[in-house]
Amino acid sequence: MFGRLLQKILPKKKQAKELTARELSGRNNVGYPTIQLSRESDELVKKYYKGIRPAIQFYKETLFFKWGPTFIEESLSDEQLAALSGRNVQMVYLLLFRDMLRHIAPYVHPKNAHDNWVETLSQEILDNCQMLSDADDHDVETKKALFAGTEIYNIETEEPQAWIEPLVALAAFPADKLYRAHRALLTTMLKKLNKDNK
């Protein structure tokens, strides 16, 4: 599982055994890009949005570091994993992360945040990770178009909605699992926020 792989690549201890080709692909194409995205978002949240850090951490730790890597591990062959774009993985996670923020924005009020704080934070993460800057990236226009989207993703039904398809086309996540994971996390978060705001 990539959850274990992510533990391997974090610089805590020197690993005794060499990584397999599949583990190397997972580290380079999933692990490192995910860690970069997480660190960039952590720095910005710590600086500007401390009050909502617990909600952000709950979403990020669950989707980015548990469920997401498991979905990739279970669904991609060695060849698919080796060909997977780390920038595309980052973009899928960022789009879902931004959607989570758009859903919870009416219930949370970060100190000193302006009305457009969700879009500003998302843009800063995108820029800091340089997701659209690789000269050999054939998916740049697709990612630009997806990032330009302004709609809040519909999570009303248990069956995956059409918006998930362009996301999973970027990074080969299984559509049903990724949709249901995003929906489950948001449902839990919104239920708690609704209860707290009563």
N, C-alpha and C. Protein backbone atom coordinates (compact mmCIF):
# COMPACT_ATOMS: atom_id res chain seq x y z
N MET A 1 0.83 -1.19 0.00
CA MET A 1 0.00 0.00 0.00
C MET A 1 0.88 1.25 0.00
N PHE A 2 0.41 2.32 -0.68
CA PHE A 2 1.17 3.55 -0.72
C PHE A 2 1.21 4.25 0.62
N GLY A 3 0.23 3.95 1.49
CA GLY A 3 0.27 4.54 2.83
C GLY A 3 1.58 4.17 3.50
N ARG A 4 1.96 2.92 3.36
CA ARG A 4 3.25 2.45 3.90
C ARG A 4 4.40 3.06 3.12
N LEU A 5 4.18 3.23 1.80
CA LEU A 5 5.22 3.83 0.97
C LEU A 5 5.51 5.26 1.41
N LEU A 6 4.46 6.01 1.71
CA LEU A 6 4.66 7.39 2.14
C LEU A 6 5.47 7.44 3.42
N GLN A 7 5.28 6.46 4.29
CA GLN A 7 6.09 6.40 5.51
C GLN A 7 7.55 6.15 5.16
N LYS A 8 7.77 5.36 4.12
CA LYS A 8 9.13 5.04 3.72
C LYS A 8 9.89 6.26 3.20
N ILE A 9 9.17 7.14 2.48
CA ILE A 9 9.89 8.22 1.83
C ILE A 9 10.06 9.44 2.72
N LEU A 10 9.35 9.51 3.80
CA LEU A 10 9.56 10.62 4.71
C LEU A 10 10.93 10.47 5.36
N PRO A 11 11.69 11.54 5.45
CA PRO A 11 13.10 11.43 5.88
C PRO A 11 13.26 11.25 7.39
N LYS A 12 12.86 10.08 7.88
CA LYS A 12 12.99 9.81 9.31
C LYS A 12 14.13 8.84 9.58
N LYS A 13 14.12 7.74 8.86
CA LYS A 13 15.15 6.73 9.06
C LYS A 13 15.68 6.29 7.70
N LYS A 14 16.90 5.87 7.68
CA LYS A 14 17.47 5.32 6.46
C LYS A 14 16.89 3.93 6.25
N GLN A 15 16.38 3.70 5.06
CA GLN A 15 15.75 2.42 4.79
C GLN A 15 16.81 1.37 4.45
N ALA A 16 16.62 0.18 5.01
CA ALA A 16 17.59 -0.90 4.81
C ALA A 16 17.42 -1.54 3.44
N LYS A 17 16.17 -1.70 2.99
CA LYS A 17 15.97 -2.38 1.70
C LYS A 17 15.68 -1.40 0.59
N GLU A 18 16.06 -1.77 -0.61
CA GLU A 18 15.82 -0.93 -1.76
C GLU A 18 14.35 -1.01 -2.16
N LEU A 19 13.85 0.08 -2.72
CA LEU A 19 12.47 0.09 -3.19
C LEU A 19 12.36 -0.66 -4.51
N THR A 20 11.21 -1.30 -4.71
CA THR A 20 10.93 -1.96 -5.99
C THR A 20 10.64 -0.88 -7.03
N ALA A 21 10.58 -1.28 -8.30
CA ALA A 21 10.26 -0.33 -9.37
C ALA A 21 8.89 0.28 -9.14
N ARG A 22 7.94 -0.51 -8.68
CA ARG A 22 6.59 0.00 -8.40
C ARG A 22 6.61 1.00 -7.25
N GLU A 23 7.36 0.70 -6.22
CA GLU A 23 7.46 1.61 -5.09
C GLU A 23 8.13 2.93 -5.48
N LEU A 24 9.14 2.84 -6.34
CA LEU A 24 9.81 4.05 -6.83
C LEU A 24 8.84 4.92 -7.63
N SER A 25 8.04 4.27 -8.48
CA SER A 25 7.03 5.02 -9.25
C SER A 25 6.03 5.67 -8.31
N GLY A 26 5.60 4.93 -7.30
CA GLY A 26 4.65 5.48 -6.33
C GLY A 26 5.25 6.64 -5.56
N ARG A 27 6.51 6.51 -5.18
CA ARG A 27 7.18 7.59 -4.46
C ARG A 27 7.29 8.84 -5.32
N ASN A 28 7.77 8.66 -6.55
CA ASN A 28 8.03 9.81 -7.42
C ASN A 28 6.77 10.44 -8.00
N ASN A 29 5.78 9.62 -8.33
CA ASN A 29 4.61 10.11 -9.04
C ASN A 29 3.40 10.38 -8.15
N VAL A 30 3.42 9.85 -6.93
CA VAL A 30 2.31 10.05 -6.00
C VAL A 30 2.82 10.66 -4.69
N GLY A 31 3.81 10.00 -4.08
CA GLY A 31 4.27 10.42 -2.77
C GLY A 31 4.86 11.81 -2.72
N TYR A 32 5.89 12.06 -3.49
CA TYR A 32 6.55 13.37 -3.46
C TYR A 32 5.60 14.51 -3.88
N PRO A 33 4.84 14.34 -4.97
CA PRO A 33 3.91 15.42 -5.34
C PRO A 33 2.86 15.70 -4.26
N THR A 34 2.39 14.64 -3.61
CA THR A 34 1.39 14.81 -2.56
C THR A 34 1.98 15.54 -1.36
N ILE A 35 3.19 15.18 -1.00
CA ILE A 35 3.86 15.83 0.13
C ILE A 35 4.10 17.31 -0.17
N GLN A 36 4.52 17.62 -1.40
CA GLN A 36 4.72 19.02 -1.77
C GLN A 36 3.42 19.81 -1.65
N LEU A 37 2.34 19.27 -2.19
CA LEU A 37 1.04 19.93 -2.12
C LEU A 37 0.61 20.13 -0.67
N SER A 38 0.80 19.11 0.14
CA SER A 38 0.41 19.19 1.54
C SER A 38 1.22 20.25 2.28
N ARG A 39 2.53 20.29 2.03
CA ARG A 39 3.38 21.28 2.71
C ARG A 39 3.04 22.71 2.31
N GLU A 40 2.79 22.90 1.03
CA GLU A 40 2.44 24.25 0.57
C GLU A 40 1.12 24.71 1.20
N SER A 41 0.14 23.83 1.24
CA SER A 41 -1.14 24.21 1.84
C SER A 41 -0.98 24.43 3.34
N ASP A 42 -0.18 23.59 4.00
CA ASP A 42 0.05 23.75 5.45
C ASP A 42 0.66 25.11 5.76
N GLU A 43 1.65 25.53 4.98
CA GLU A 43 2.32 26.80 5.24
C GLU A 43 1.36 27.98 5.10
N LEU A 44 0.54 27.94 4.06
CA LEU A 44 -0.40 29.04 3.84
C LEU A 44 -1.51 29.05 4.90
N VAL A 45 -2.00 27.88 5.25
CA VAL A 45 -3.06 27.80 6.27
C VAL A 45 -2.52 28.26 7.61
N LYS A 46 -1.32 27.84 7.95
CA LYS A 46 -0.71 28.25 9.21
C LYS A 46 -0.53 29.76 9.27
N LYS A 47 -0.21 30.35 8.13
CA LYS A 47 0.06 31.79 8.08
C LYS A 47 -1.21 32.63 8.11
N TYR A 48 -2.25 32.16 7.38
CA TYR A 48 -3.42 33.01 7.18
C TYR A 48 -4.74 32.46 7.75
N TYR A 49 -4.84 31.14 7.89
CA TYR A 49 -6.15 30.56 8.19
C TYR A 49 -6.09 29.54 9.34
N LYS A 50 -5.39 29.88 10.40
CA LYS A 50 -5.19 28.93 11.51
C LYS A 50 -6.50 28.38 12.06
N GLY A 51 -7.53 29.20 12.08
CA GLY A 51 -8.80 28.80 12.70
C GLY A 51 -9.47 27.61 12.04
N ILE A 52 -9.18 27.37 10.76
CA ILE A 52 -9.82 26.25 10.08
C ILE A 52 -8.85 25.08 9.83
N ARG A 53 -7.70 25.17 10.47
CA ARG A 53 -6.69 24.12 10.27
C ARG A 53 -7.20 22.71 10.60
N PRO A 54 -7.95 22.51 11.71
CA PRO A 54 -8.42 21.15 12.00
C PRO A 54 -9.27 20.54 10.88
N ALA A 55 -10.17 21.34 10.30
CA ALA A 55 -11.01 20.83 9.21
C ALA A 55 -10.17 20.49 7.99
N ILE A 56 -9.22 21.37 7.68
CA ILE A 56 -8.35 21.13 6.53
C ILE A 56 -7.50 19.89 6.75
N GLN A 57 -6.95 19.73 7.93
CA GLN A 57 -6.12 18.57 8.22
C GLN A 57 -6.92 17.28 8.13
N PHE A 58 -8.14 17.29 8.64
CA PHE A 58 -8.99 16.10 8.57
C PHE A 58 -9.20 15.67 7.12
N TYR A 59 -9.55 16.62 6.27
CA TYR A 59 -9.80 16.30 4.86
C TYR A 59 -8.52 15.82 4.18
N LYS A 60 -7.48 16.59 4.35
CA LYS A 60 -6.22 16.34 3.64
C LYS A 60 -5.59 15.01 4.07
N GLU A 61 -5.50 14.80 5.36
CA GLU A 61 -4.86 13.57 5.85
C GLU A 61 -5.62 12.32 5.42
N THR A 62 -6.94 12.44 5.37
CA THR A 62 -7.74 11.27 5.00
C THR A 62 -7.68 11.00 3.50
N LEU A 63 -7.90 12.03 2.68
CA LEU A 63 -7.94 11.80 1.24
C LEU A 63 -6.56 11.70 0.62
N PHE A 64 -5.68 12.63 0.96
CA PHE A 64 -4.36 12.67 0.31
C PHE A 64 -3.45 11.53 0.74
N PHE A 65 -3.52 11.16 2.02
CA PHE A 65 -2.53 10.22 2.55
C PHE A 65 -3.07 8.84 2.90
N LYS A 66 -4.38 8.66 2.87
CA LYS A 66 -4.94 7.33 3.15
C LYS A 66 -5.70 6.80 1.95
N TRP A 67 -6.86 7.37 1.68
CA TRP A 67 -7.72 6.81 0.65
C TRP A 67 -7.16 6.98 -0.75
N GLY A 68 -6.70 8.18 -1.10
CA GLY A 68 -6.21 8.42 -2.46
C GLY A 68 -5.10 7.47 -2.88
N PRO A 69 -4.03 7.35 -2.09
CA PRO A 69 -2.96 6.41 -2.46
C PRO A 69 -3.44 4.97 -2.55
N THR A 70 -4.39 4.60 -1.69
CA THR A 70 -4.94 3.23 -1.74
C THR A 70 -5.69 3.01 -3.05
N PHE A 71 -6.47 4.00 -3.49
CA PHE A 71 -7.20 3.87 -4.75
C PHE A 71 -6.22 3.67 -5.92
N ILE A 72 -5.14 4.44 -5.92
CA ILE A 72 -4.15 4.31 -6.99
C ILE A 72 -3.47 2.95 -6.93
N GLU A 73 -3.08 2.55 -5.75
CA GLU A 73 -2.40 1.25 -5.57
C GLU A 73 -3.26 0.11 -6.07
N GLU A 74 -4.55 0.17 -5.77
CA GLU A 74 -5.44 -0.94 -6.13
C GLU A 74 -5.86 -0.95 -7.59
N SER A 75 -5.76 0.20 -8.27
CA SER A 75 -6.34 0.27 -9.61
C SER A 75 -5.33 0.39 -10.75
N LEU A 76 -4.09 0.79 -10.46
CA LEU A 76 -3.13 1.01 -11.54
C LEU A 76 -2.12 -0.14 -11.65
N SER A 77 -1.83 -0.51 -12.88
CA SER A 77 -0.78 -1.49 -13.13
C SER A 77 0.58 -0.83 -12.92
N ASP A 78 1.64 -1.61 -12.94
CA ASP A 78 2.98 -1.05 -12.80
C ASP A 78 3.26 -0.04 -13.92
N GLU A 79 2.84 -0.37 -15.14
CA GLU A 79 3.09 0.51 -16.29
C GLU A 79 2.30 1.81 -16.16
N GLN A 80 1.05 1.71 -15.72
CA GLN A 80 0.22 2.91 -15.54
C GLN A 80 0.79 3.80 -14.45
N LEU A 81 1.25 3.18 -13.38
CA LEU A 81 1.81 3.96 -12.27
C LEU A 81 3.10 4.66 -12.70
N ALA A 82 3.92 3.96 -13.49
CA ALA A 82 5.18 4.56 -13.97
C ALA A 82 4.91 5.74 -14.89
N ALA A 83 3.80 5.70 -15.61
CA ALA A 83 3.46 6.77 -16.56
C ALA A 83 2.63 7.89 -15.93
N LEU A 84 2.22 7.71 -14.69
CA LEU A 84 1.35 8.67 -14.03
C LEU A 84 2.08 10.00 -13.80
N SER A 85 1.39 11.09 -14.08
CA SER A 85 1.97 12.43 -13.88
C SER A 85 1.72 12.90 -12.45
N GLY A 86 2.79 13.20 -11.74
CA GLY A 86 2.67 13.73 -10.40
C GLY A 86 1.94 15.06 -10.37
N ARG A 87 2.15 15.89 -11.40
CA ARG A 87 1.45 17.17 -11.50
C ARG A 87 -0.06 16.95 -11.64
N ASN A 88 -0.44 15.91 -12.35
CA ASN A 88 -1.86 15.61 -12.51
C ASN A 88 -2.48 15.14 -11.20
N VAL A 89 -1.73 14.33 -10.46
CA VAL A 89 -2.20 13.90 -9.14
C VAL A 89 -2.41 15.12 -8.25
N GLN A 90 -1.44 16.03 -8.26
CA GLN A 90 -1.57 17.26 -7.48
C GLN A 90 -2.82 18.05 -7.89
N MET A 91 -3.07 18.17 -9.18
CA MET A 91 -4.20 18.95 -9.64
C MET A 91 -5.53 18.33 -9.19
N VAL A 92 -5.64 17.02 -9.29
CA VAL A 92 -6.87 16.36 -8.84
C VAL A 92 -7.09 16.64 -7.36
N TYR A 93 -6.05 16.47 -6.57
CA TYR A 93 -6.17 16.74 -5.13
C TYR A 93 -6.51 18.21 -4.87
N LEU A 94 -5.88 19.11 -5.60
CA LEU A 94 -6.14 20.54 -5.37
C LEU A 94 -7.58 20.90 -5.74
N LEU A 95 -8.08 20.36 -6.83
CA LEU A 95 -9.46 20.65 -7.23
C LEU A 95 -10.46 20.15 -6.18
N LEU A 96 -10.21 18.98 -5.64
CA LEU A 96 -11.09 18.45 -4.60
C LEU A 96 -10.94 19.24 -3.30
N PHE A 97 -9.72 19.62 -2.99
CA PHE A 97 -9.44 20.43 -1.80
C PHE A 97 -10.17 21.77 -1.90
N ARG A 98 -10.07 22.40 -3.07
CA ARG A 98 -10.76 23.69 -3.27
C ARG A 98 -12.27 23.51 -3.17
N ASP A 99 -12.78 22.42 -3.71
CA ASP A 99 -14.22 22.19 -3.62
C ASP A 99 -14.66 22.01 -2.17
N MET A 100 -13.84 21.30 -1.40
CA MET A 100 -14.13 21.15 0.03
C MET A 100 -14.21 22.52 0.68
N LEU A 101 -13.25 23.40 0.39
CA LEU A 101 -13.26 24.75 0.97
C LEU A 101 -14.49 25.53 0.52
N ARG A 102 -14.88 25.39 -0.73
CA ARG A 102 -16.06 26.09 -1.22
C ARG A 102 -17.32 25.62 -0.49
N HIS A 103 -17.39 24.34 -0.19
CA HIS A 103 -18.54 23.80 0.53
C HIS A 103 -18.59 24.31 1.97
N ILE A 104 -17.44 24.38 2.63
CA ILE A 104 -17.46 24.76 4.04
C ILE A 104 -17.37 26.27 4.28
N ALA A 105 -17.04 27.03 3.24
CA ALA A 105 -16.84 28.48 3.39
C ALA A 105 -18.01 29.21 4.04
N PRO A 106 -19.28 28.85 3.76
CA PRO A 106 -20.38 29.56 4.42
C PRO A 106 -20.44 29.34 5.94
N TYR A 107 -19.75 28.31 6.43
CA TYR A 107 -19.83 27.96 7.85
C TYR A 107 -18.60 28.37 8.66
N VAL A 108 -17.52 28.67 7.96
CA VAL A 108 -16.28 29.03 8.67
C VAL A 108 -15.89 30.46 8.31
N HIS A 109 -15.26 31.12 9.24
CA HIS A 109 -14.90 32.52 9.01
C HIS A 109 -13.49 32.77 9.53
N PRO A 110 -12.50 32.41 8.70
CA PRO A 110 -11.11 32.63 9.13
C PRO A 110 -10.86 34.10 9.45
N LYS A 111 -10.12 34.33 10.49
CA LYS A 111 -9.80 35.70 10.91
C LYS A 111 -9.09 36.44 9.77
N ASN A 112 -9.52 37.65 9.52
CA ASN A 112 -8.94 38.53 8.51
C ASN A 112 -9.08 38.02 7.07
N ALA A 113 -9.95 37.02 6.84
CA ALA A 113 -10.13 36.50 5.48
C ALA A 113 -11.09 37.40 4.70
N HIS A 114 -10.81 37.61 3.43
CA HIS A 114 -11.71 38.38 2.57
C HIS A 114 -12.72 37.44 1.93
N ASP A 115 -13.67 37.99 1.21
CA ASP A 115 -14.76 37.18 0.64
C ASP A 115 -14.26 36.10 -0.31
N ASN A 116 -13.14 36.36 -0.98
CA ASN A 116 -12.64 35.44 -2.01
C ASN A 116 -11.48 34.58 -1.50
N TRP A 117 -11.43 34.32 -0.21
CA TRP A 117 -10.26 33.66 0.38
C TRP A 117 -10.03 32.25 -0.15
N VAL A 118 -11.11 31.54 -0.47
CA VAL A 118 -10.96 30.16 -0.98
C VAL A 118 -10.20 30.16 -2.30
N GLU A 119 -10.59 31.07 -3.20
CA GLU A 119 -9.94 31.12 -4.51
C GLU A 119 -8.50 31.61 -4.40
N THR A 120 -8.28 32.57 -3.50
CA THR A 120 -6.93 33.09 -3.30
C THR A 120 -6.00 32.00 -2.77
N LEU A 121 -6.46 31.27 -1.76
CA LEU A 121 -5.66 30.19 -1.19
C LEU A 121 -5.36 29.13 -2.24
N SER A 122 -6.37 28.74 -3.00
CA SER A 122 -6.18 27.71 -4.03
C SER A 122 -5.19 28.16 -5.10
N GLN A 123 -5.30 29.41 -5.51
CA GLN A 123 -4.37 29.95 -6.52
C GLN A 123 -2.95 29.98 -5.99
N GLU A 124 -2.77 30.37 -4.74
CA GLU A 124 -1.43 30.40 -4.16
C GLU A 124 -0.82 29.01 -4.08
N ILE A 125 -1.62 28.02 -3.74
CA ILE A 125 -1.12 26.64 -3.70
C ILE A 125 -0.72 26.20 -5.10
N LEU A 126 -1.57 26.49 -6.08
CA LEU A 126 -1.28 26.15 -7.48
C LEU A 126 0.04 26.77 -7.92
N ASP A 127 0.21 28.05 -7.63
CA ASP A 127 1.42 28.77 -8.04
C ASP A 127 2.66 28.25 -7.31
N ASN A 128 2.54 28.03 -6.02
CA ASN A 128 3.69 27.58 -5.23
C ASN A 128 4.16 26.19 -5.63
N CYS A 129 3.22 25.35 -6.06
CA CYS A 129 3.58 24.00 -6.52
C CYS A 129 4.01 23.99 -7.99
N GLN A 130 3.82 25.10 -8.67
CA GLN A 130 4.19 25.23 -10.09
C GLN A 130 3.56 24.11 -10.93
N MET A 131 2.31 23.86 -10.69
CA MET A 131 1.63 22.75 -11.36
C MET A 131 1.47 22.92 -12.86
N LEU A 132 1.51 24.17 -13.34
CA LEU A 132 1.28 24.41 -14.76
C LEU A 132 2.53 24.89 -15.48
N SER A 133 3.69 24.59 -14.91
CA SER A 133 4.91 25.19 -15.45
C SER A 133 5.82 24.23 -16.21
N ASP A 134 5.49 22.95 -16.26
CA ASP A 134 6.37 21.99 -16.93
C ASP A 134 6.23 22.10 -18.45
N ALA A 135 7.34 22.33 -19.12
CA ALA A 135 7.32 22.54 -20.57
C ALA A 135 6.81 21.32 -21.34
N ASP A 136 7.04 20.13 -20.80
CA ASP A 136 6.63 18.91 -21.50
C ASP A 136 5.28 18.38 -21.04
N ASP A 137 4.51 19.18 -20.32
CA ASP A 137 3.21 18.76 -19.79
C ASP A 137 2.15 18.91 -20.87
N HIS A 138 1.62 17.78 -21.33
CA HIS A 138 0.63 17.79 -22.41
C HIS A 138 -0.78 18.07 -21.89
N ASP A 139 -0.95 18.12 -20.58
CA ASP A 139 -2.28 18.32 -19.99
C ASP A 139 -2.48 19.72 -19.43
N VAL A 140 -1.57 20.64 -19.73
CA VAL A 140 -1.65 21.98 -19.14
C VAL A 140 -2.97 22.67 -19.46
N GLU A 141 -3.40 22.63 -20.72
CA GLU A 141 -4.63 23.32 -21.09
C GLU A 141 -5.85 22.71 -20.40
N THR A 142 -5.85 21.40 -20.29
CA THR A 142 -6.94 20.72 -19.58
C THR A 142 -6.98 21.15 -18.13
N LYS A 143 -5.81 21.20 -17.50
CA LYS A 143 -5.75 21.59 -16.09
C LYS A 143 -6.13 23.06 -15.89
N LYS A 144 -5.71 23.90 -16.82
CA LYS A 144 -6.10 25.32 -16.74
C LYS A 144 -7.62 25.46 -16.79
N ALA A 145 -8.24 24.71 -17.71
CA ALA A 145 -9.69 24.78 -17.86
C ALA A 145 -10.40 24.27 -16.60
N LEU A 146 -9.90 23.18 -16.05
CA LEU A 146 -10.51 22.64 -14.83
C LEU A 146 -10.34 23.60 -13.66
N PHE A 147 -9.17 24.20 -13.55
CA PHE A 147 -8.93 25.11 -12.44
C PHE A 147 -9.75 26.39 -12.57
N ALA A 148 -10.07 26.76 -13.80
CA ALA A 148 -10.88 27.96 -14.03
C ALA A 148 -12.34 27.77 -13.65
N GLY A 149 -12.75 26.53 -13.41
CA GLY A 149 -14.14 26.26 -13.06
C GLY A 149 -14.56 26.94 -11.77
N THR A 150 -15.78 27.43 -11.75
CA THR A 150 -16.28 28.16 -10.59
C THR A 150 -17.40 27.44 -9.84
N GLU A 151 -17.85 26.30 -10.37
CA GLU A 151 -18.99 25.63 -9.76
C GLU A 151 -18.56 24.83 -8.52
N ILE A 152 -19.48 24.73 -7.59
CA ILE A 152 -19.30 23.83 -6.45
C ILE A 152 -19.78 22.46 -6.90
N TYR A 153 -18.97 21.45 -6.71
CA TYR A 153 -19.33 20.11 -7.19
C TYR A 153 -20.56 19.57 -6.44
N ASN A 154 -21.45 18.98 -7.22
CA ASN A 154 -22.67 18.40 -6.66
C ASN A 154 -22.33 17.05 -6.01
N ILE A 155 -22.66 16.92 -4.73
CA ILE A 155 -22.41 15.65 -4.01
C ILE A 155 -23.71 15.09 -3.42
N GLU A 156 -24.85 15.48 -4.02
CA GLU A 156 -26.15 15.11 -3.45
C GLU A 156 -26.46 13.62 -3.56
N THR A 157 -26.00 12.98 -4.62
CA THR A 157 -26.36 11.58 -4.82
C THR A 157 -25.18 10.66 -4.51
N GLU A 158 -25.51 9.39 -4.24
CA GLU A 158 -24.44 8.42 -3.98
C GLU A 158 -23.72 8.02 -5.25
N GLU A 159 -24.40 8.13 -6.38
CA GLU A 159 -23.79 7.78 -7.66
C GLU A 159 -22.90 8.93 -8.15
N PRO A 160 -21.74 8.61 -8.69
CA PRO A 160 -20.81 9.66 -9.15
C PRO A 160 -21.45 10.61 -10.14
N GLN A 161 -21.14 11.89 -9.99
CA GLN A 161 -21.65 12.93 -10.88
C GLN A 161 -20.67 13.14 -12.04
N ALA A 162 -21.15 13.81 -13.07
CA ALA A 162 -20.34 14.00 -14.29
C ALA A 162 -19.05 14.78 -14.04
N TRP A 163 -19.03 15.65 -13.04
CA TRP A 163 -17.84 16.47 -12.80
C TRP A 163 -16.60 15.65 -12.44
N ILE A 164 -16.80 14.44 -11.94
CA ILE A 164 -15.66 13.62 -11.51
C ILE A 164 -14.87 13.08 -12.71
N GLU A 165 -15.53 12.93 -13.86
CA GLU A 165 -14.89 12.28 -15.01
C GLU A 165 -13.64 13.00 -15.52
N PRO A 166 -13.65 14.33 -15.72
CA PRO A 166 -12.42 14.97 -16.18
C PRO A 166 -11.29 14.90 -15.16
N LEU A 167 -11.64 14.82 -13.87
CA LEU A 167 -10.61 14.72 -12.84
C LEU A 167 -9.92 13.37 -12.91
N VAL A 168 -10.71 12.31 -12.97
CA VAL A 168 -10.10 10.97 -12.98
C VAL A 168 -9.40 10.69 -14.30
N ALA A 169 -9.80 11.38 -15.36
CA ALA A 169 -9.10 11.23 -16.64
C ALA A 169 -7.67 11.75 -16.53
N LEU A 170 -7.44 12.72 -15.66
CA LEU A 170 -6.09 13.26 -15.47
C LEU A 170 -5.16 12.28 -14.77
N ALA A 171 -5.68 11.57 -13.77
CA ALA A 171 -4.76 10.79 -12.92
C ALA A 171 -5.19 9.36 -12.68
N ALA A 172 -6.15 8.86 -13.44
CA ALA A 172 -6.52 7.44 -13.41
C ALA A 172 -7.02 6.95 -12.05
N PHE A 173 -7.59 7.85 -11.25
CA PHE A 173 -8.28 7.39 -10.04
C PHE A 173 -9.56 6.68 -10.46
N PRO A 174 -10.04 5.69 -9.69
CA PRO A 174 -11.35 5.11 -9.98
C PRO A 174 -12.44 6.13 -9.63
N ALA A 175 -13.29 6.46 -10.59
CA ALA A 175 -14.25 7.55 -10.41
C ALA A 175 -15.19 7.32 -9.24
N ASP A 176 -15.73 6.10 -9.14
CA ASP A 176 -16.71 5.85 -8.08
C ASP A 176 -16.09 5.99 -6.69
N LYS A 177 -14.89 5.47 -6.52
CA LYS A 177 -14.24 5.54 -5.20
C LYS A 177 -13.84 6.96 -4.83
N LEU A 178 -13.29 7.68 -5.80
CA LEU A 178 -12.85 9.04 -5.50
C LEU A 178 -14.05 9.94 -5.20
N TYR A 179 -15.11 9.81 -5.98
CA TYR A 179 -16.32 10.59 -5.74
C TYR A 179 -16.89 10.28 -4.35
N ARG A 180 -17.01 9.01 -4.04
CA ARG A 180 -17.62 8.64 -2.75
C ARG A 180 -16.74 9.05 -1.57
N ALA A 181 -15.44 9.03 -1.76
CA ALA A 181 -14.53 9.48 -0.69
C ALA A 181 -14.72 10.97 -0.44
N HIS A 182 -14.73 11.75 -1.50
CA HIS A 182 -14.93 13.21 -1.38
C HIS A 182 -16.29 13.49 -0.74
N ARG A 183 -17.29 12.80 -1.21
CA ARG A 183 -18.65 12.99 -0.69
C ARG A 183 -18.74 12.62 0.79
N ALA A 184 -18.15 11.49 1.15
CA ALA A 184 -18.21 11.04 2.55
C ALA A 184 -17.53 12.03 3.49
N LEU A 185 -16.37 12.52 3.09
CA LEU A 185 -15.65 13.48 3.92
C LEU A 185 -16.44 14.78 4.06
N LEU A 186 -16.97 15.27 2.95
CA LEU A 186 -17.74 16.51 3.00
C LEU A 186 -19.02 16.35 3.81
N THR A 187 -19.69 15.23 3.65
CA THR A 187 -20.91 14.99 4.41
C THR A 187 -20.63 15.03 5.90
N THR A 188 -19.55 14.38 6.31
CA THR A 188 -19.15 14.38 7.72
C THR A 188 -18.82 15.79 8.20
N MET A 189 -18.05 16.51 7.41
CA MET A 189 -17.64 17.86 7.79
C MET A 189 -18.82 18.82 7.87
N LEU A 190 -19.70 18.76 6.87
CA LEU A 190 -20.84 19.67 6.84
C LEU A 190 -21.83 19.38 7.96
N LYS A 191 -21.98 18.11 8.27
CA LYS A 191 -22.86 17.75 9.39
C LYS A 191 -22.34 18.34 10.69
N LYS A 192 -21.04 18.24 10.90
CA LYS A 192 -20.45 18.80 12.12
C LYS A 192 -20.55 20.33 12.13
N LEU A 193 -20.28 20.96 11.01
CA LEU A 193 -20.35 22.41 10.93
C LEU A 193 -21.77 22.92 11.14
N ASN A 194 -22.74 22.21 10.57
CA ASN A 194 -24.15 22.57 10.78
C ASN A 194 -24.52 22.48 12.26
N LYS A 195 -24.06 21.43 12.90
CA LYS A 195 -24.35 21.22 14.32
C LYS A 195 -23.69 22.31 15.17
N ASP A 196 -22.43 22.64 14.85
CA ASP A 196 -21.70 23.66 15.60
C ASP A 196 -22.29 25.04 15.45
N ASN A 197 -22.94 25.30 14.29
CA ASN A 197 -23.47 26.63 14.02
C ASN A 197 -24.91 26.83 14.50
N LYS A 198 -25.49 25.80 15.10
CA LYS A 198 -26.87 25.92 15.61
C LYS A 198 -26.88 26.60 16.97
